[in-house]
Structures are given as structure tokens and as C-alpha cells.
């Protein structure tokens, strides 16, 4: 429903926990151009979240980093000075 409304989704440490399958499935169902990764609610290093997301999505880490950067610029670029 959020994706249909044009929202971007952000995933954090929950994807590291195999018992949080709903978070992991949502990550896989989120289009790359609507994806963010974050650490707002945990002390887990962002590198760990990126590694797990890349593994789950079966893409290279560099490709994932580039996509998230592109998403950031798409959303926040107009506000950067």
C-alpha cells in the first residue's frame, strides 16, 4: 500500500534477524528505486545492514550502495545546497 502511494521504504537491523521474516520479505519486495537503509533504532553498524541487504537481494554491495545513493539524491537532492 505504501509503495503504491509512492513512498520509499527504509530498512534497518530487523533484516539481520532471520526470525523477522516479514522485514526480510518486505526488503525483497521493495523496488530498488524505492529503497533506503538505516540504523536509527539500533547500534548495529550500517555496514552490517548493507551487507545483509545485498546478500538477501542477491546483488553486489557496490550496486546496492550506488542505488541507495541515487535514491537519496532523488528525494533530497533538491534540498541540498
Protein backbone atom coordinates (compact mmCIF):
# COMPACT_ATOMS: atom_id res chain seq x y z
CA UNK A 1 0.00 0.00 0.00
CA UNK A 2 2.85 2.40 0.83
CA UNK A 3 4.68 1.62 -2.39
CA UNK A 4 1.51 2.20 -4.40
CA UNK A 5 1.25 5.60 -2.70
CA UNK A 6 4.75 6.50 -3.94
CA UNK A 7 6.52 6.06 -0.60
CA UNK A 8 10.10 4.96 -0.13
CA UNK A 9 10.79 2.24 2.45
CA UNK A 10 13.73 2.16 4.83
CA UNK A 11 15.05 -1.00 6.46
CA UNK A 12 17.30 -1.41 9.47
CA UNK A 13 18.55 -4.06 11.87
CA UNK A 14 15.37 -6.16 11.64
CA UNK A 15 16.63 -7.62 8.35
CA UNK A 16 19.58 -9.12 10.25
CA UNK A 17 17.25 -11.34 12.27
CA UNK A 18 16.05 -14.46 10.41
CA UNK A 19 13.04 -14.56 12.76
CA UNK A 20 11.90 -11.18 11.34
CA UNK A 21 10.93 -12.77 8.04
CA UNK A 22 8.30 -10.10 7.38
CA UNK A 23 11.02 -7.42 7.29
CA UNK A 24 13.25 -9.54 5.11
CA UNK A 25 10.38 -10.29 2.69
CA UNK A 26 9.41 -6.61 2.54
CA UNK A 27 13.02 -5.76 1.65
CA UNK A 28 12.89 -8.23 -1.23
CA UNK A 29 9.55 -6.88 -2.47
CA UNK A 30 10.65 -3.24 -2.38
CA UNK A 31 11.76 -1.93 -5.78
CA UNK A 32 15.40 -0.84 -5.77
CA UNK A 33 14.42 2.72 -6.70
CA UNK A 34 12.30 2.99 -3.51
CA UNK A 35 14.82 1.59 -1.02
CA UNK A 36 16.71 3.12 1.88
CA UNK A 37 18.73 1.52 4.68
CA UNK A 38 19.15 2.95 8.16
CA UNK A 39 20.34 2.43 11.72
CA UNK A 40 18.08 4.88 13.53
CA UNK A 41 16.85 2.44 16.15
CA UNK A 42 19.97 0.37 16.87
CA UNK A 43 23.69 0.40 17.47
CA UNK A 44 24.30 -2.04 14.62
CA UNK A 45 26.82 -0.63 12.13
CA UNK A 46 25.27 0.45 8.82
CA UNK A 47 27.85 -1.70 7.03
CA UNK A 48 26.25 -4.82 8.52
CA UNK A 49 22.83 -3.77 7.29
CA UNK A 50 24.16 -3.04 3.79
CA UNK A 51 25.95 -6.41 3.65
CA UNK A 52 22.84 -8.31 4.70
CA UNK A 53 20.58 -6.37 2.32
CA UNK A 54 22.96 -7.04 -0.58
CA UNK A 55 23.06 -10.74 0.30
CA UNK A 56 19.28 -11.03 0.61
CA UNK A 57 18.71 -9.17 -2.66
CA UNK A 58 21.50 -11.15 -4.34
CA UNK A 59 23.29 -8.06 -5.66
CA UNK A 60 26.75 -6.64 -5.20
CA UNK A 61 27.39 -4.36 -2.26
CA UNK A 62 28.65 -1.57 -4.51
CA UNK A 63 25.49 -1.77 -6.65
CA UNK A 64 23.31 -1.51 -3.55
CA UNK A 65 25.29 1.46 -2.23
CA UNK A 66 25.01 3.21 -5.60
CA UNK A 67 21.26 2.62 -5.76
CA UNK A 68 20.64 3.95 -2.24
CA UNK A 69 22.79 7.00 -3.01
CA UNK A 70 20.79 7.60 -6.19
CA UNK A 71 17.56 7.30 -4.18
CA UNK A 72 18.87 9.79 -1.64
CA UNK A 73 19.71 12.29 -4.36
CA UNK A 74 16.32 11.77 -5.98
CA UNK A 75 14.48 12.53 -2.74
CA UNK A 76 16.74 15.04 -1.02
CA UNK A 77 18.79 16.45 -3.91
CA UNK A 78 16.51 19.45 -4.44
CA UNK A 79 17.11 20.46 -0.82
CA UNK A 80 20.91 20.17 -0.92
CA UNK A 81 22.75 23.45 -1.20
